[in-house]
């Protein structure tokens, strides 16, 4: 196997790992990103879905399919997160944590797209 395969596996496992936190530990995730649930549990549901299981299954799907397009999709997903984060940095103000998350999202997107497209 070549180095690209190992990087792709690493990015898929990273997506699965971070997604598992959102999916299975939504309260921890919500505390980390300064979110609160309004009492309906809809907030936790959103974190489990959009910040959790979505990333888990994108990573699992990429590992199952094993194609460059599947691994590139991980890059598109993280790139979408980076675009949303950049929008927040511009419109909502900046924080150190937002910049860290943004840099991480850009890094995953650039690597995944760069080696698979």
PDB file of N, CA and C in Angstrom:
ATOM      1  N   UNK A   1       0.826  -1.188   0.000  1.00  0.00           N
ATOM      2  CA  UNK A   1       0.000   0.000   0.000  1.00  0.00           C
ATOM      3  C   UNK A   1       0.869   1.250   0.000  1.00  0.00           C
ATOM      4  N   UNK A   2       0.330   2.294  -0.556  1.00  0.00           N
ATOM      5  CA  UNK A   2       1.076   3.542  -0.638  1.00  0.00           C
ATOM      6  C   UNK A   2       0.665   4.498   0.477  1.00  0.00           C
ATOM      7  N   UNK A   3       1.376   5.597   0.580  1.00  0.00           N
ATOM      8  CA  UNK A   3       1.143   6.577   1.656  1.00  0.00           C
ATOM      9  C   UNK A   3      -0.225   7.238   1.537  1.00  0.00           C
ATOM     10  N   UNK A   4      -0.747   7.375   0.326  1.00  0.00           N
ATOM     11  CA  UNK A   4      -2.069   7.989   0.150  1.00  0.00           C
ATOM     12  C   UNK A   4      -3.144   7.138   0.831  1.00  0.00           C
ATOM     13  N   UNK A   5      -3.027   5.835   0.710  1.00  0.00           N
ATOM     14  CA  UNK A   5      -3.987   4.946   1.366  1.00  0.00           C
ATOM     15  C   UNK A   5      -3.978   5.159   2.869  1.00  0.00           C
ATOM     16  N   UNK A   6      -2.799   5.240   3.452  1.00  0.00           N
ATOM     17  CA  UNK A   6      -2.703   5.438   4.898  1.00  0.00           C
ATOM     18  C   UNK A   6      -3.267   6.791   5.338  1.00  0.00           C
ATOM     19  N   UNK A   7      -3.012   7.810   4.566  1.00  0.00           N
ATOM     20  CA  UNK A   7      -3.572   9.131   4.895  1.00  0.00           C
ATOM     21  C   UNK A   7      -5.092   9.095   4.784  1.00  0.00           C
ATOM     22  N   UNK A   8      -5.609   8.463   3.740  1.00  0.00           N
ATOM     23  CA  UNK A   8      -7.061   8.346   3.585  1.00  0.00           C
ATOM     24  C   UNK A   8      -7.674   7.602   4.765  1.00  0.00           C
ATOM     25  N   UNK A   9      -7.046   6.512   5.195  1.00  0.00           N
ATOM     26  CA  UNK A   9      -7.555   5.771   6.350  1.00  0.00           C
ATOM     27  C   UNK A   9      -7.538   6.649   7.593  1.00  0.00           C
ATOM     28  N   UNK A  10      -6.459   7.402   7.758  1.00  0.00           N
ATOM     29  CA  UNK A  10      -6.346   8.285   8.918  1.00  0.00           C
ATOM     30  C   UNK A  10      -7.460   9.332   8.917  1.00  0.00           C
ATOM     31  N   UNK A  11      -7.732   9.940   7.760  1.00  0.00           N
ATOM     32  CA  UNK A  11      -8.791  10.951   7.671  1.00  0.00           C
ATOM     33  C   UNK A  11     -10.165  10.339   7.916  1.00  0.00           C
ATOM     34  N   UNK A  12     -10.383   9.126   7.417  1.00  0.00           N
ATOM     35  CA  UNK A  12     -11.653   8.450   7.668  1.00  0.00           C
ATOM     36  C   UNK A  12     -11.799   8.141   9.162  1.00  0.00           C
ATOM     37  N   UNK A  13     -10.729   7.647   9.788  1.00  0.00           N
ATOM     38  CA  UNK A  13     -10.781   7.338  11.228  1.00  0.00           C
ATOM     39  C   UNK A  13     -10.933   8.603  12.058  1.00  0.00           C
ATOM     40  N   UNK A  14     -10.320   9.697  11.619  1.00  0.00           N
ATOM     41  CA  UNK A  14     -10.489  10.978  12.307  1.00  0.00           C
ATOM     42  C   UNK A  14     -11.953  11.413  12.249  1.00  0.00           C
ATOM     43  N   UNK A  15     -12.558  11.279  11.084  1.00  0.00           N
ATOM     44  CA  UNK A  15     -13.974  11.619  10.935  1.00  0.00           C
ATOM     45  C   UNK A  15     -14.831  10.738  11.828  1.00  0.00           C
ATOM     46  N   UNK A  16     -14.538   9.455  11.857  1.00  0.00           N
ATOM     47  CA  UNK A  16     -15.290   8.531  12.697  1.00  0.00           C
ATOM     48  C   UNK A  16     -15.120   8.883  14.170  1.00  0.00           C
ATOM     49  N   UNK A  17     -13.895   9.174  14.582  1.00  0.00           N
ATOM     50  CA  UNK A  17     -13.628   9.488  15.984  1.00  0.00           C
ATOM     51  C   UNK A  17     -14.325  10.749  16.459  1.00  0.00           C
ATOM     52  N   UNK A  18     -14.170  11.833  15.711  1.00  0.00           N
ATOM     53  CA  UNK A  18     -14.838  13.078  16.101  1.00  0.00           C
ATOM     54  C   UNK A  18     -16.354  12.937  15.983  1.00  0.00           C
ATOM     55  N   UNK A  19     -16.807  12.232  14.966  1.00  0.00           N
ATOM     56  CA  UNK A  19     -18.235  12.010  14.827  1.00  0.00           C
ATOM     57  C   UNK A  19     -18.802  11.196  15.975  1.00  0.00           C
ATOM     58  N   UNK A  20     -18.054  10.216  16.436  1.00  0.00           N
ATOM     59  CA  UNK A  20     -18.516   9.394  17.558  1.00  0.00           C
ATOM     60  C   UNK A  20     -18.733  10.245  18.805  1.00  0.00           C
ATOM     61  N   UNK A  21     -17.875  11.247  19.003  1.00  0.00           N
ATOM     62  CA  UNK A  21     -18.072  12.145  20.152  1.00  0.00           C
ATOM     63  C   UNK A  21     -19.403  12.883  20.055  1.00  0.00           C
ATOM     64  N   UNK A  22     -19.694  13.424  18.886  1.00  0.00           N
ATOM     65  CA  UNK A  22     -20.953  14.139  18.704  1.00  0.00           C
ATOM     66  C   UNK A  22     -22.154  13.225  18.807  1.00  0.00           C
ATOM     67  N   UNK A  23     -22.030  12.034  18.263  1.00  0.00           N
ATOM     68  CA  UNK A  23     -23.129  11.084  18.232  1.00  0.00           C
ATOM     69  C   UNK A  23     -23.413  10.487  19.608  1.00  0.00           C
ATOM     70  N   UNK A  24     -22.346  10.050  20.282  1.00  0.00           N
ATOM     71  CA  UNK A  24     -22.519   9.300  21.525  1.00  0.00           C
ATOM     72  C   UNK A  24     -22.302  10.121  22.791  1.00  0.00           C
ATOM     73  N   UNK A  25     -21.708  11.295  22.635  1.00  0.00           N
ATOM     74  CA  UNK A  25     -21.489  12.183  23.795  1.00  0.00           C
ATOM     75  C   UNK A  25     -21.924  13.604  23.439  1.00  0.00           C
ATOM     76  N   UNK A  26     -23.205  13.783  23.120  1.00  0.00           N
ATOM     77  CA  UNK A  26     -23.642  15.109  22.670  1.00  0.00           C
ATOM     78  C   UNK A  26     -23.526  16.182  23.745  1.00  0.00           C
ATOM     79  N   UNK A  27     -23.706  15.842  24.993  1.00  0.00           N
ATOM     80  CA  UNK A  27     -23.572  16.854  26.053  1.00  0.00           C
ATOM     81  C   UNK A  27     -22.152  17.374  26.116  1.00  0.00           C
ATOM     82  N   UNK A  28     -21.175  16.470  26.032  1.00  0.00           N
ATOM     83  CA  UNK A  28     -19.767  16.890  26.007  1.00  0.00           C
ATOM     84  C   UNK A  28     -19.507  17.780  24.799  1.00  0.00           C
ATOM     85  N   UNK A  29     -19.987  17.363  23.646  1.00  0.00           N
ATOM     86  CA  UNK A  29     -19.787  18.146  22.421  1.00  0.00           C
ATOM     87  C   UNK A  29     -20.423  19.521  22.550  1.00  0.00           C
ATOM     88  N   UNK A  30     -21.627  19.564  23.082  1.00  0.00           N
ATOM     89  CA  UNK A  30     -22.329  20.840  23.238  1.00  0.00           C
ATOM     90  C   UNK A  30     -21.582  21.758  24.200  1.00  0.00           C
ATOM     91  N   UNK A  31     -21.040  21.222  25.283  1.00  0.00           N
ATOM     92  CA  UNK A  31     -20.244  22.032  26.210  1.00  0.00           C
ATOM     93  C   UNK A  31     -18.986  22.559  25.530  1.00  0.00           C
ATOM     94  N   UNK A  32     -18.349  21.713  24.737  1.00  0.00           N
ATOM     95  CA  UNK A  32     -17.112  22.104  24.056  1.00  0.00           C
ATOM     96  C   UNK A  32     -17.339  23.259  23.091  1.00  0.00           C
ATOM     97  N   UNK A  33     -18.473  23.237  22.384  1.00  0.00           N
ATOM     98  CA  UNK A  33     -18.744  24.278  21.388  1.00  0.00           C
ATOM     99  C   UNK A  33     -19.729  25.329  21.889  1.00  0.00           C
ATOM    100  N   UNK A  34     -19.951  25.351  23.190  1.00  0.00           N
ATOM    101  CA  UNK A  34     -20.754  26.383  23.846  1.00  0.00           C
ATOM    102  C   UNK A  34     -22.196  26.427  23.343  1.00  0.00           C
ATOM    103  N   UNK A  35     -22.816  25.243  23.264  1.00  0.00           N
ATOM    104  CA  UNK A  35     -24.219  25.152  22.894  1.00  0.00           C
ATOM    105  C   UNK A  35     -25.028  24.739  24.114  1.00  0.00           C
ATOM    106  N   UNK A  36     -26.291  25.123  24.129  1.00  0.00           N
ATOM    107  CA  UNK A  36     -27.163  24.661  25.199  1.00  0.00           C
ATOM    108  C   UNK A  36     -28.465  24.163  24.596  1.00  0.00           C
ATOM    109  N   UNK A  37     -29.048  23.193  25.261  1.00  0.00           N
ATOM    110  CA  UNK A  37     -30.307  22.627  24.819  1.00  0.00           C
ATOM    111  C   UNK A  37     -31.435  23.433  25.447  1.00  0.00           C
ATOM    112  N   UNK A  38     -32.413  23.803  24.684  1.00  0.00           N
ATOM    113  CA  UNK A  38     -33.522  24.613  25.181  1.00  0.00           C
ATOM    114  C   UNK A  38     -34.573  23.830  25.936  1.00  0.00           C
ATOM    115  N   UNK A  39     -34.322  22.567  26.203  1.00  0.00           N
ATOM    116  CA  UNK A  39     -35.259  21.774  26.975  1.00  0.00           C
ATOM    117  C   UNK A  39     -36.055  20.759  26.172  1.00  0.00           C
ATOM    118  N   UNK A  40     -36.038  20.876  24.861  1.00  0.00           N
ATOM    119  CA  UNK A  40     -36.818  19.957  24.034  1.00  0.00           C
ATOM    120  C   UNK A  40     -36.010  18.740  23.593  1.00  0.00           C
ATOM    121  N   UNK A  41     -34.752  18.715  23.856  1.00  0.00           N
ATOM    122  CA  UNK A  41     -33.768  17.721  23.395  1.00  0.00           C
ATOM    123  C   UNK A  41     -33.485  17.819  21.896  1.00  0.00           C
ATOM    124  N   UNK A  42     -34.049  18.813  21.229  1.00  0.00           N
ATOM    125  CA  UNK A  42     -33.775  18.988  19.803  1.00  0.00           C
ATOM    126  C   UNK A  42     -32.306  19.348  19.574  1.00  0.00           C
ATOM    127  N   UNK A  43     -31.724  20.116  20.497  1.00  0.00           N
ATOM    128  CA  UNK A  43     -30.312  20.471  20.368  1.00  0.00           C
ATOM    129  C   UNK A  43     -29.424  19.242  20.373  1.00  0.00           C
ATOM    130  N   UNK A  44     -29.676  18.331  21.322  1.00  0.00           N
ATOM    131  CA  UNK A  44     -28.893  17.093  21.368  1.00  0.00           C
ATOM    132  C   UNK A  44     -29.127  16.257  20.118  1.00  0.00           C
ATOM    133  N   UNK A  45     -30.345  16.239  19.646  1.00  0.00           N
ATOM    134  CA  UNK A  45     -30.657  15.495  18.435  1.00  0.00           C
ATOM    135  C   UNK A  45     -29.858  16.039  17.246  1.00  0.00           C
ATOM    136  N   UNK A  46     -29.781  17.356  17.144  1.00  0.00           N
ATOM    137  CA  UNK A  46     -29.037  17.982  16.045  1.00  0.00           C
ATOM    138  C   UNK A  46     -27.551  17.669  16.126  1.00  0.00           C
ATOM    139  N   UNK A  47     -26.998  17.719  17.329  1.00  0.00           N
ATOM    140  CA  UNK A  47     -25.572  17.403  17.503  1.00  0.00           C
ATOM    141  C   UNK A  47     -25.325  15.938  17.156  1.00  0.00           C
ATOM    142  N   UNK A  48     -26.175  15.043  17.655  1.00  0.00           N
ATOM    143  CA  UNK A  48     -26.004  13.615  17.339  1.00  0.00           C
ATOM    144  C   UNK A  48     -26.042  13.374  15.825  1.00  0.00           C
ATOM    145  N   UNK A  49     -26.920  14.091  15.128  1.00  0.00           N
ATOM    146  CA  UNK A  49     -27.076  13.886  13.684  1.00  0.00           C
ATOM    147  C   UNK A  49     -25.992  14.603  12.876  1.00  0.00           C
ATOM    148  N   UNK A  50     -25.945  15.934  12.989  1.00  0.00           N
ATOM    149  CA  UNK A  50     -25.097  16.739  12.109  1.00  0.00           C
ATOM    150  C   UNK A  50     -23.632  16.763  12.509  1.00  0.00           C
ATOM    151  N   UNK A  51     -23.344  16.697  13.793  1.00  0.00           N
ATOM    152  CA  UNK A  51     -21.955  16.718  14.246  1.00  0.00           C
ATOM    153  C   UNK A  51     -21.474  15.331  14.646  1.00  0.00           C
ATOM    154  N   UNK A  52     -22.355  14.359  14.540  1.00  0.00           N
ATOM    155  CA  UNK A  52     -22.012  13.034  15.000  1.00  0.00           C
ATOM    156  C   UNK A  52     -22.117  11.962  13.937  1.00  0.00           C
ATOM    157  N   UNK A  53     -23.293  11.362  13.854  1.00  0.00           N
ATOM    158  CA  UNK A  53     -23.472  10.204  12.983  1.00  0.00           C
ATOM    159  C   UNK A  53     -23.143  10.512  11.520  1.00  0.00           C
ATOM    160  N   UNK A  54     -23.391  11.728  11.081  1.00  0.00           N
ATOM    161  CA  UNK A  54     -23.037  12.106   9.708  1.00  0.00           C
ATOM    162  C   UNK A  54     -21.557  11.850   9.432  1.00  0.00           C
ATOM    163  N   UNK A  55     -20.699  12.274  10.347  1.00  0.00           N
ATOM    164  CA  UNK A  55     -19.255  12.095  10.169  1.00  0.00           C
ATOM    165  C   UNK A  55     -18.842  10.637  10.341  1.00  0.00           C
ATOM    166  N   UNK A  56     -19.487   9.935  11.275  1.00  0.00           N
ATOM    167  CA  UNK A  56     -19.177   8.514  11.470  1.00  0.00           C
ATOM    168  C   UNK A  56     -19.457   7.744  10.189  1.00  0.00           C
ATOM    169  N   UNK A  57     -20.640   7.951   9.638  1.00  0.00           N
ATOM    170  CA  UNK A  57     -21.014   7.168   8.474  1.00  0.00           C
ATOM    171  C   UNK A  57     -20.306   7.619   7.205  1.00  0.00           C
ATOM    172  N   UNK A  58     -19.891   8.863   7.120  1.00  0.00           N
ATOM    173  CA  UNK A  58     -19.060   9.299   5.990  1.00  0.00           C
ATOM    174  C   UNK A  58     -17.715   8.576   6.036  1.00  0.00           C
ATOM    175  N   UNK A  59     -17.135   8.498   7.234  1.00  0.00           N
ATOM    176  CA  UNK A  59     -15.861   7.790   7.380  1.00  0.00           C
ATOM    177  C   UNK A  59     -15.999   6.307   7.118  1.00  0.00           C
ATOM    178  N   UNK A  60     -17.034   5.691   7.683  1.00  0.00           N
ATOM    179  CA  UNK A  60     -17.263   4.262   7.464  1.00  0.00           C
ATOM    180  C   UNK A  60     -17.522   3.997   5.978  1.00  0.00           C
ATOM    181  N   UNK A  61     -18.330   4.827   5.357  1.00  0.00           N
ATOM    182  CA  UNK A  61     -18.619   4.663   3.933  1.00  0.00           C
ATOM    183  C   UNK A  61     -17.368   4.763   3.078  1.00  0.00           C
ATOM    184  N   UNK A  62     -16.504   5.724   3.403  1.00  0.00           N
ATOM    185  CA  UNK A  62     -15.263   5.868   2.643  1.00  0.00           C
ATOM    186  C   UNK A  62     -14.392   4.624   2.795  1.00  0.00           C
ATOM    187  N   UNK A  63     -14.315   4.087   4.017  1.00  0.00           N
ATOM    188  CA  UNK A  63     -13.517   2.874   4.230  1.00  0.00           C
ATOM    189  C   UNK A  63     -14.114   1.677   3.485  1.00  0.00           C
ATOM    190  N   UNK A  64     -15.426   1.571   3.460  1.00  0.00           N
ATOM    191  CA  UNK A  64     -16.069   0.454   2.755  1.00  0.00           C
ATOM    192  C   UNK A  64     -15.857   0.575   1.254  1.00  0.00           C
ATOM    193  N   UNK A  65     -16.108   1.767   0.705  1.00  0.00           N
ATOM    194  CA  UNK A  65     -15.971   1.957  -0.739  1.00  0.00           C
ATOM    195  C   UNK A  65     -14.513   1.965  -1.176  1.00  0.00           C
ATOM    196  N   UNK A  66     -13.679   2.625  -0.393  1.00  0.00           N
ATOM    197  CA  UNK A  66     -12.249   2.637  -0.664  1.00  0.00           C
ATOM    198  C   UNK A  66     -11.821   3.303  -1.960  1.00  0.00           C
ATOM    199  N   UNK A  67     -12.647   4.168  -2.508  1.00  0.00           N
ATOM    200  CA  UNK A  67     -12.302   4.831  -3.768  1.00  0.00           C
ATOM    201  C   UNK A  67     -11.831   6.257  -3.501  1.00  0.00           C
ATOM    202  N   UNK A  68     -11.065   6.827  -4.415  1.00  0.00           N
ATOM    203  CA  UNK A  68     -10.677   8.231  -4.244  1.00  0.00           C
ATOM    204  C   UNK A  68     -11.885   9.164  -4.098  1.00  0.00           C
ATOM    205  N   UNK A  69     -12.960   8.894  -4.843  1.00  0.00           N
ATOM    206  CA  UNK A  69     -14.154   9.740  -4.739  1.00  0.00           C
ATOM    207  C   UNK A  69     -14.753   9.666  -3.335  1.00  0.00           C
ATOM    208  N   UNK A  70     -14.749   8.497  -2.743  1.00  0.00           N
ATOM    209  CA  UNK A  70     -15.300   8.346  -1.389  1.00  0.00           C
ATOM    210  C   UNK A  70     -14.458   9.123  -0.380  1.00  0.00           C
ATOM    211  N   UNK A  71     -13.146   9.055  -0.505  1.00  0.00           N
ATOM    212  CA  UNK A  71     -12.277   9.797   0.403  1.00  0.00           C
ATOM    213  C   UNK A  71     -12.339  11.296   0.123  1.00  0.00           C
ATOM    214  N   UNK A  72     -12.524  11.666  -1.145  1.00  0.00           N
ATOM    215  CA  UNK A  72     -12.693  13.082  -1.476  1.00  0.00           C
ATOM    216  C   UNK A  72     -13.958  13.627  -0.824  1.00  0.00           C
ATOM    217  N   UNK A  73     -14.993  12.810  -0.728  1.00  0.00           N
ATOM    218  CA  UNK A  73     -16.239  13.262  -0.105  1.00  0.00           C
ATOM    219  C   UNK A  73     -16.000  13.656   1.352  1.00  0.00           C
ATOM    220  N   UNK A  74     -15.100  12.980   2.034  1.00  0.00           N
ATOM    221  CA  UNK A  74     -14.733  13.403   3.389  1.00  0.00           C
ATOM    222  C   UNK A  74     -14.200  14.829   3.336  1.00  0.00           C
ATOM    223  N   UNK A  75     -13.382  15.119   2.341  1.00  0.00           N
ATOM    224  CA  UNK A  75     -12.857  16.470   2.174  1.00  0.00           C
ATOM    225  C   UNK A  75     -13.955  17.484   1.902  1.00  0.00           C
ATOM    226  N   UNK A  76     -14.932  17.110   1.085  1.00  0.00           N
ATOM    227  CA  UNK A  76     -16.045  18.027   0.814  1.00  0.00           C
ATOM    228  C   UNK A  76     -16.862  18.286   2.075  1.00  0.00           C
ATOM    229  N   UNK A  77     -17.087  17.253   2.864  1.00  0.00           N
ATOM    230  CA  UNK A  77     -17.864  17.420   4.097  1.00  0.00           C
ATOM    231  C   UNK A  77     -17.133  18.347   5.063  1.00  0.00           C
ATOM    232  N   UNK A  78     -15.860  18.084   5.294  1.00  0.00           N
ATOM    233  CA  UNK A  78     -15.088  18.953   6.194  1.00  0.00           C
ATOM    234  C   UNK A  78     -14.942  20.346   5.603  1.00  0.00           C
ATOM    235  N   UNK A  79     -14.843  20.441   4.273  1.00  0.00           N
ATOM    236  CA  UNK A  79     -14.786  21.752   3.620  1.00  0.00           C
ATOM    237  C   UNK A  79     -16.063  22.540   3.819  1.00  0.00           C
ATOM    238  N   UNK A  80     -17.195  21.844   3.788  1.00  0.00           N
ATOM    239  CA  UNK A  80     -18.469  22.500   4.078  1.00  0.00           C
ATOM    240  C   UNK A  80     -18.490  23.053   5.495  1.00  0.00           C
ATOM    241  N   UNK A  81     -17.949  22.276   6.428  1.00  0.00           N
ATOM    242  CA  UNK A  81     -17.830  22.764   7.800  1.00  0.00           C
ATOM    243  C   UNK A  81     -16.959  24.005   7.875  1.00  0.00           C
ATOM    244  N   UNK A  82     -15.872  24.000   7.117  1.00  0.00           N
ATOM    245  CA  UNK A  82     -14.970  25.155   7.108  1.00  0.00           C
ATOM    246  C   UNK A  82     -15.650  26.399   6.536  1.00  0.00           C
ATOM    247  N   UNK A  83     -16.461  26.220   5.510  1.00  0.00           N
ATOM    248  CA  UNK A  83     -17.193  27.362   4.929  1.00  0.00           C
ATOM    249  C   UNK A  83     -18.184  27.920   5.947  1.00  0.00           C
ATOM    250  N   UNK A  84     -18.906  27.035   6.617  1.00  0.00           N
ATOM    251  CA  UNK A  84     -19.834  27.488   7.655  1.00  0.00           C
ATOM    252  C   UNK A  84     -19.110  28.197   8.784  1.00  0.00           C
ATOM    253  N   UNK A  85     -17.954  27.660   9.178  1.00  0.00           N
ATOM    254  CA  UNK A  85     -17.169  28.269  10.253  1.00  0.00           C
ATOM    255  C   UNK A  85     -16.637  29.625   9.808  1.00  0.00           C
ATOM    256  N   UNK A  86     -16.167  29.735   8.569  1.00  0.00           N
ATOM    257  CA  UNK A  86     -15.668  31.015   8.057  1.00  0.00           C
ATOM    258  C   UNK A  86     -16.785  32.058   8.050  1.00  0.00           C
ATOM    259  N   UNK A  87     -17.974  31.631   7.672  1.00  0.00           N
ATOM    260  CA  UNK A  87     -19.124  32.531   7.693  1.00  0.00           C
ATOM    261  C   UNK A  87     -19.357  33.048   9.107  1.00  0.00           C
ATOM    262  N   UNK A  88     -19.255  32.158  10.081  1.00  0.00           N
ATOM    263  CA  UNK A  88     -19.433  32.568  11.472  1.00  0.00           C
ATOM    264  C   UNK A  88     -18.319  33.503  11.931  1.00  0.00           C
ATOM    265  N   UNK A  89     -17.106  33.218  11.523  1.00  0.00           N
ATOM    266  CA  UNK A  89     -15.994  34.106  11.888  1.00  0.00           C
ATOM    267  C   UNK A  89     -16.227  35.521  11.369  1.00  0.00           C
ATOM    268  N   UNK A  90     -16.772  35.621  10.171  1.00  0.00           N
ATOM    269  CA  UNK A  90     -17.016  36.933   9.562  1.00  0.00           C
ATOM    270  C   UNK A  90     -18.253  37.614  10.155  1.00  0.00           C
ATOM    271  N   UNK A  91     -19.346  36.871  10.276  1.00  0.00           N
ATOM    272  CA  UNK A  91     -20.615  37.480  10.667  1.00  0.00           C
ATOM    273  C   UNK A  91     -20.873  37.506  12.170  1.00  0.00           C
ATOM    274  N   UNK A  92     -20.320  36.530  12.891  1.00  0.00           N
ATOM    275  CA  UNK A  92     -20.651  36.395  14.307  1.00  0.00           C
ATOM    276  C   UNK A  92     -19.521  36.804  15.245  1.00  0.00           C
ATOM    277  N   UNK A  93     -18.336  37.021  14.696  1.00  0.00           N
ATOM    278  CA  UNK A  93     -17.197  37.369  15.528  1.00  0.00           C
ATOM    279  C   UNK A  93     -16.244  36.192  15.688  1.00  0.00           C
ATOM    280  N   UNK A  94     -15.075  36.496  16.179  1.00  0.00           N
ATOM    281  CA  UNK A  94     -14.033  35.477  16.265  1.00  0.00           C
ATOM    282  C   UNK A  94     -13.768  35.073  17.706  1.00  0.00           C
ATOM    283  N   UNK A  95     -13.364  33.828  17.842  1.00  0.00           N
ATOM    284  CA  UNK A  95     -12.847  33.321  19.109  1.00  0.00           C
ATOM    285  C   UNK A  95     -11.671  32.412  18.767  1.00  0.00           C
ATOM    286  N   UNK A  96     -10.864  32.160  19.748  1.00  0.00           N
ATOM    287  CA  UNK A  96      -9.715  31.269  19.548  1.00  0.00           C
ATOM    288  C   UNK A  96     -10.195  29.878  19.131  1.00  0.00           C
ATOM    289  N   UNK A  97     -11.229  29.367  19.813  1.00  0.00           N
ATOM    290  CA  UNK A  97     -11.728  28.027  19.512  1.00  0.00           C
ATOM    291  C   UNK A  97     -12.285  27.940  18.095  1.00  0.00           C
ATOM    292  N   UNK A  98     -12.968  28.980  17.630  1.00  0.00           N
ATOM    293  CA  UNK A  98     -13.475  28.978  16.247  1.00  0.00           C
ATOM    294  C   UNK A  98     -12.331  28.884  15.256  1.00  0.00           C
ATOM    295  N   UNK A  99     -11.258  29.624  15.507  1.00  0.00           N
ATOM    296  CA  UNK A  99     -10.101  29.582  14.616  1.00  0.00           C
ATOM    297  C   UNK A  99      -9.453  28.198  14.613  1.00  0.00           C
ATOM    298  N   UNK A 100      -9.373  27.568  15.772  1.00  0.00           N
ATOM    299  CA  UNK A 100      -8.794  26.217  15.854  1.00  0.00           C
ATOM    300  C   UNK A 100      -9.647  25.236  15.060  1.00  0.00           C
ATOM    301  N   UNK A 101     -10.958  25.293  15.259  1.00  0.00           N
ATOM    302  CA  UNK A 101     -11.848  24.404  14.516  1.00  0.00           C
ATOM    303  C   UNK A 101     -11.755  24.688  13.014  1.00  0.00           C
ATOM    304  N   UNK A 102     -11.741  25.947  12.649  1.00  0.00           N
ATOM    305  CA  UNK A 102     -11.643  26.322  11.234  1.00  0.00           C
ATOM    306  C   UNK A 102     -10.358  25.775  10.611  1.00  0.00           C
ATOM    307  N   UNK A 103      -9.246  25.953  11.286  1.00  0.00           N
ATOM    308  CA  UNK A 103      -7.965  25.463  10.763  1.00  0.00           C
ATOM    309  C   UNK A 103      -7.982  23.946  10.601  1.00  0.00           C
ATOM    310  N   UNK A 104      -8.572  23.257  11.553  1.00  0.00           N
ATOM    311  CA  UNK A 104      -8.660  21.796  11.471  1.00  0.00           C
ATOM    312  C   UNK A 104      -9.526  21.365  10.295  1.00  0.00           C
ATOM    313  N   UNK A 105     -10.653  22.028  10.129  1.00  0.00           N
ATOM    314  CA  UNK A 105     -11.557  21.695   9.029  1.00  0.00           C
ATOM    315  C   UNK A 105     -10.911  21.958   7.671  1.00  0.00           C
ATOM    316  N   UNK A 106     -10.223  23.070   7.557  1.00  0.00           N
ATOM    317  CA  UNK A 106      -9.528  23.384   6.307  1.00  0.00           C
ATOM    318  C   UNK A 106      -8.435  22.357   6.039  1.00  0.00           C
ATOM    319  N   UNK A 107      -7.680  21.993   7.065  1.00  0.00           N
ATOM    320  CA  UNK A 107      -6.588  21.035   6.889  1.00  0.00           C
ATOM    321  C   UNK A 107      -7.106  19.691   6.378  1.00  0.00           C
ATOM    322  N   UNK A 108      -8.152  19.175   6.999  1.00  0.00           N
ATOM    323  CA  UNK A 108      -8.701  17.889   6.553  1.00  0.00           C
ATOM    324  C   UNK A 108      -9.226  18.018   5.121  1.00  0.00           C
ATOM    325  N   UNK A 109      -9.945  19.087   4.836  1.00  0.00           N
ATOM    326  CA  UNK A 109     -10.494  19.275   3.489  1.00  0.00           C
ATOM    327  C   UNK A 109      -9.400  19.363   2.442  1.00  0.00           C
ATOM    328  N   UNK A 110      -8.379  20.155   2.697  1.00  0.00           N
ATOM    329  CA  UNK A 110      -7.300  20.341   1.722  1.00  0.00           C
ATOM    330  C   UNK A 110      -6.566  19.034   1.469  1.00  0.00           C
ATOM    331  N   UNK A 111      -6.260  18.316   2.522  1.00  0.00           N
ATOM    332  CA  UNK A 111      -5.535  17.044   2.342  1.00  0.00           C
ATOM    333  C   UNK A 111      -6.408  16.037   1.611  1.00  0.00           C
ATOM    334  N   UNK A 112      -7.638  15.834   2.080  1.00  0.00           N
ATOM    335  CA  UNK A 112      -8.506  14.823   1.461  1.00  0.00           C
ATOM    336  C   UNK A 112      -8.791  15.138  -0.011  1.00  0.00           C
ATOM    337  N   UNK A 113      -9.060  16.396  -0.296  1.00  0.00           N
ATOM    338  CA  UNK A 113      -9.330  16.768  -1.689  1.00  0.00           C
ATOM    339  C   UNK A 113      -8.051  16.774  -2.520  1.00  0.00           C
ATOM    340  N   UNK A 114      -6.973  17.239  -1.932  1.00  0.00           N
ATOM    341  CA  UNK A 114      -5.707  17.331  -2.663  1.00  0.00           C
ATOM    342  C   UNK A 114      -5.160  15.990  -3.118  1.00  0.00           C
ATOM    343  N   UNK A 115      -5.330  14.966  -2.307  1.00  0.00           N
ATOM    344  CA  UNK A 115      -4.754  13.668  -2.690  1.00  0.00           C
ATOM    345  C   UNK A 115      -5.745  12.763  -3.415  1.00  0.00           C
ATOM    346  N   UNK A 116      -7.004  13.175  -3.477  1.00  0.00           N
ATOM    347  CA  UNK A 116      -8.014  12.291  -4.084  1.00  0.00           C
ATOM    348  C   UNK A 116      -8.691  12.836  -5.336  1.00  0.00           C
ATOM    349  N   UNK A 117      -8.468  14.091  -5.662  1.00  0.00           N
ATOM    350  CA  UNK A 117      -9.078  14.632  -6.886  1.00  0.00           C
ATOM    351  C   UNK A 117      -8.045  14.762  -7.985  1.00  0.00           C
TER     352      UNK A 117
END
